[in-house]
Amino acid sequence: MVDSFGEGLDRALEGVFTRKPPQSAQAQMKYLVKQLQGTRAVAQALGVSQRTVERYVAGKLKRPRQDLRGRIEREVARRWQPQVRARARRKASSTDGLMIYTRARFGYTAAPGTTDDARIRDITQALPPEYADRLFTAHEQGATEQQLQQIAADGLAHVYFRANETRAHDLGVQFTDVEDIQIEL
């Protein structure tokens, strides 16, 4: 399964954590109960009963099934070290930008007579801060995978294909069939 851009952005922010999040199911549940201020809210967020959450908190249940373990880990990671995450996002959006490693199909719309056949490319490219900011902002506002792909395509078109607008000014880039995507801050 290929990660989505949203998952890639979340994973990039998780890479800046200064401490590891809780590891055991009991510690994770206790953390979520504290963050969401009650077992009912945790149960709703995870799609389980309130009693199940209470059993994990009490230590009566210790090993969640695989799908529940994944949901718990995602919810904990999403809430872990919010100030560290915000600082890393601000830095990427203002000064550093981000690095994208991708294997995807790129096609073009260009002047007649040029090759516009889409083909699979491996691209490793630093995106400037304005594209990092656009990606993070869109992701926070609930943008679809297509919208995030378009923002990344615009950034790659600007930096990689048009060489910071020094060539191929009318080149439009289409970014589809993502086989792999990794994002780093």
Protein backbone atom coordinates (compact mmCIF):
# COMPACT_ATOMS: atom_id res chain seq x y z
CA MET A 1 0.00 0.00 0.00
CA VAL A 2 1.27 3.44 -0.95
CA ASP A 3 1.30 6.14 1.67
CA SER A 4 -0.79 9.19 0.94
CA PHE A 5 0.58 12.72 0.97
CA GLY A 6 -1.30 13.36 4.21
CA GLU A 7 0.33 10.33 5.85
CA GLY A 8 3.69 11.45 4.49
CA LEU A 9 3.26 14.91 6.01
CA ASP A 10 2.22 13.40 9.35
CA ARG A 11 5.18 11.02 9.32
CA ALA A 12 7.57 13.88 8.53
CA LEU A 13 6.32 15.79 11.58
CA GLU A 14 6.60 12.64 13.72
CA GLY A 15 10.27 12.51 12.77
CA VAL A 16 10.98 15.62 14.85
CA PHE A 17 9.65 14.25 18.13
CA THR A 18 12.09 14.74 21.00
CA ARG A 19 10.64 11.85 23.05
CA LYS A 20 9.03 8.58 22.07
CA PRO A 21 5.25 8.39 22.44
CA PRO A 22 3.79 5.83 24.88
CA GLN A 23 4.38 2.27 23.69
CA SER A 24 2.05 -0.02 25.67
CA ALA A 25 -1.67 -0.12 24.98
CA GLN A 26 -2.40 0.88 28.57
CA ALA A 27 -0.08 3.91 28.46
CA GLN A 28 -1.47 4.95 25.07
CA MET A 29 -5.05 4.74 26.31
CA LYS A 30 -4.22 6.70 29.46
CA TYR A 31 -2.60 9.37 27.30
CA LEU A 32 -5.62 9.57 24.99
CA VAL A 33 -8.03 9.74 27.94
CA LYS A 34 -6.04 12.65 29.35
CA GLN A 35 -5.86 14.43 25.99
CA LEU A 36 -9.52 13.92 25.05
CA GLN A 37 -10.71 14.41 28.63
CA GLY A 38 -12.64 11.21 29.08
CA THR A 39 -13.16 7.63 28.05
CA ARG A 40 -16.28 8.37 26.02
CA ALA A 41 -14.41 10.72 23.66
CA VAL A 42 -11.60 8.17 23.24
CA ALA A 43 -14.13 5.43 22.49
CA GLN A 44 -15.73 7.58 19.80
CA ALA A 45 -12.37 8.50 18.27
CA LEU A 46 -11.28 4.85 18.11
CA GLY A 47 -14.63 3.32 17.20
CA VAL A 48 -14.81 1.05 20.25
CA SER A 49 -17.02 0.90 23.33
CA GLN A 50 -16.36 3.05 26.35
CA ARG A 51 -16.01 -0.12 28.43
CA THR A 52 -13.22 -1.37 26.15
CA VAL A 53 -11.30 1.86 26.74
CA GLU A 54 -11.81 1.51 30.49
CA ARG A 55 -10.45 -2.06 30.36
CA TYR A 56 -7.29 -0.92 28.58
CA VAL A 57 -6.80 1.93 31.06
CA ALA A 58 -7.21 -0.50 33.99
CA GLY A 59 -4.74 -2.93 32.40
CA LYS A 60 -7.29 -5.74 32.03
CA LEU A 61 -6.81 -5.74 28.26
CA LYS A 62 -3.24 -5.55 27.05
CA ARG A 63 -3.00 -6.48 23.36
CA PRO A 64 -5.37 -4.78 20.94
CA ARG A 65 -6.13 -6.46 17.65
CA GLN A 66 -4.08 -5.17 14.75
CA ASP A 67 -6.60 -2.70 13.28
CA LEU A 68 -7.31 -1.18 16.70
CA ARG A 69 -3.58 -0.99 17.48
CA GLY A 70 -3.08 1.03 14.28
CA ARG A 71 -5.91 3.43 15.18
CA ILE A 72 -4.55 3.89 18.70
CA GLU A 73 -1.02 4.59 17.43
CA ARG A 74 -2.31 7.10 14.84
CA GLU A 75 -4.40 8.97 17.44
CA VAL A 76 -1.50 9.11 19.90
CA ALA A 77 0.99 10.25 17.23
CA ARG A 78 -1.44 12.91 16.00
CA ARG A 79 -1.60 14.46 19.47
CA TRP A 80 1.95 13.82 20.68
CA GLN A 81 4.19 16.85 21.31
CA PRO A 82 2.03 19.50 19.61
CA GLN A 83 4.50 22.34 20.29
CA VAL A 84 7.43 20.42 18.79
CA ARG A 85 5.26 19.60 15.76
CA ALA A 86 4.13 23.23 15.39
CA ARG A 87 7.70 24.53 15.63
CA ALA A 88 8.88 22.10 12.92
CA ARG A 89 5.94 23.06 10.69
CA ARG A 90 6.68 26.78 11.13
CA LYS A 91 10.34 26.24 10.31
CA ALA A 92 9.52 24.23 7.17
CA SER A 93 6.91 26.80 6.11
CA SER A 94 9.14 29.83 6.63
CA THR A 95 12.79 28.93 6.04
CA ASP A 96 13.64 25.28 5.36
CA GLY A 97 10.97 23.87 3.05
CA LEU A 98 10.75 20.12 2.75
CA MET A 99 12.26 17.26 0.78
CA ILE A 100 10.09 15.00 -1.37
CA TYR A 101 11.16 11.57 -2.58
CA THR A 102 8.64 10.18 -5.02
CA ARG A 103 8.13 7.59 -7.70
CA ALA A 104 5.13 8.56 -9.76
CA ARG A 105 3.83 9.09 -13.27
CA PHE A 106 4.47 12.59 -14.57
CA GLY A 107 2.81 13.94 -17.71
CA TYR A 108 2.93 17.36 -19.29
CA THR A 109 0.93 19.89 -21.17
CA ALA A 110 3.31 21.87 -23.31
CA ALA A 111 3.73 23.54 -26.68
CA PRO A 112 2.83 21.45 -29.76
CA GLY A 113 5.62 19.27 -31.07
CA THR A 114 7.00 18.34 -27.66
CA THR A 115 6.80 14.97 -25.96
CA ASP A 116 3.96 14.98 -23.47
CA ASP A 117 3.66 11.23 -22.83
CA ALA A 118 3.40 10.53 -19.14
CA ARG A 119 6.07 8.26 -17.71
CA ILE A 120 7.21 6.95 -14.34
CA ARG A 121 9.99 9.02 -12.77
CA ASP A 122 11.93 8.84 -9.54
CA ILE A 123 12.36 12.37 -8.24
CA THR A 124 14.12 13.62 -5.13
CA GLN A 125 13.59 17.35 -4.81
CA ALA A 126 13.61 20.03 -2.14
CA LEU A 127 10.48 22.16 -2.23
CA PRO A 128 10.70 25.78 -1.11
CA PRO A 129 8.93 26.98 2.07
CA GLU A 130 5.91 28.41 0.26
CA TYR A 131 4.98 24.97 -1.10
CA ALA A 132 5.60 23.37 2.31
CA ASP A 133 3.25 25.95 3.82
CA ARG A 134 0.61 25.29 1.15
CA LEU A 135 0.83 21.52 1.73
CA PHE A 136 0.61 21.76 5.53
CA THR A 137 -2.21 24.32 5.42
CA ALA A 138 -4.24 22.28 2.93
CA HIS A 139 -3.69 19.10 4.95
CA GLU A 140 -4.84 20.78 8.17
CA GLN A 141 -7.94 22.07 6.39
CA GLY A 142 -8.85 18.56 5.25
CA ALA A 143 -7.76 18.72 1.62
CA THR A 144 -8.23 15.61 -0.49
CA GLU A 145 -5.36 13.50 -1.74
CA GLN A 146 -5.91 14.95 -5.23
CA GLN A 147 -5.55 18.50 -3.92
CA LEU A 148 -2.35 17.65 -2.03
CA GLN A 149 -0.98 15.96 -5.16
CA GLN A 150 -1.75 19.08 -7.20
CA ILE A 151 0.10 21.33 -4.74
CA ALA A 152 3.10 18.97 -4.87
CA ALA A 153 2.88 18.88 -8.67
CA ASP A 154 2.88 22.69 -8.78
CA GLY A 155 5.95 22.77 -6.54
CA LEU A 156 7.79 20.13 -8.56
CA ALA A 157 6.85 21.87 -11.80
CA HIS A 158 8.23 25.16 -10.48
CA VAL A 159 11.47 23.83 -9.01
CA TYR A 160 12.32 20.68 -10.97
CA PHE A 161 10.74 20.90 -14.41
CA ARG A 162 10.84 24.67 -14.97
CA ALA A 163 14.06 25.24 -12.98
CA ASN A 164 12.64 28.08 -10.87
CA GLU A 165 10.94 29.60 -13.92
CA THR A 166 14.15 29.89 -15.98
CA ARG A 167 12.90 27.50 -18.70
CA ALA A 168 9.78 25.81 -20.05
CA HIS A 169 7.51 28.62 -18.83
CA ASP A 170 4.28 27.16 -20.25
CA LEU A 171 4.89 23.62 -19.04
CA GLY A 172 2.03 22.18 -16.99
CA VAL A 173 2.79 19.07 -14.95
CA GLN A 174 0.37 16.26 -14.11
CA PHE A 175 1.28 14.06 -11.16
CA THR A 176 -0.56 10.70 -11.06
CA ASP A 177 -0.14 7.02 -10.17
CA VAL A 178 2.00 7.67 -7.09
CA GLU A 179 3.89 4.46 -6.32
CA ASP A 180 5.93 5.86 -3.43
CA ILE A 181 6.07 9.13 -1.53
CA GLN A 182 8.31 10.11 1.35
CA ILE A 183 8.49 13.57 2.86
CA GLU A 184 11.18 14.88 5.19
CA LEU A 185 11.63 18.17 6.96
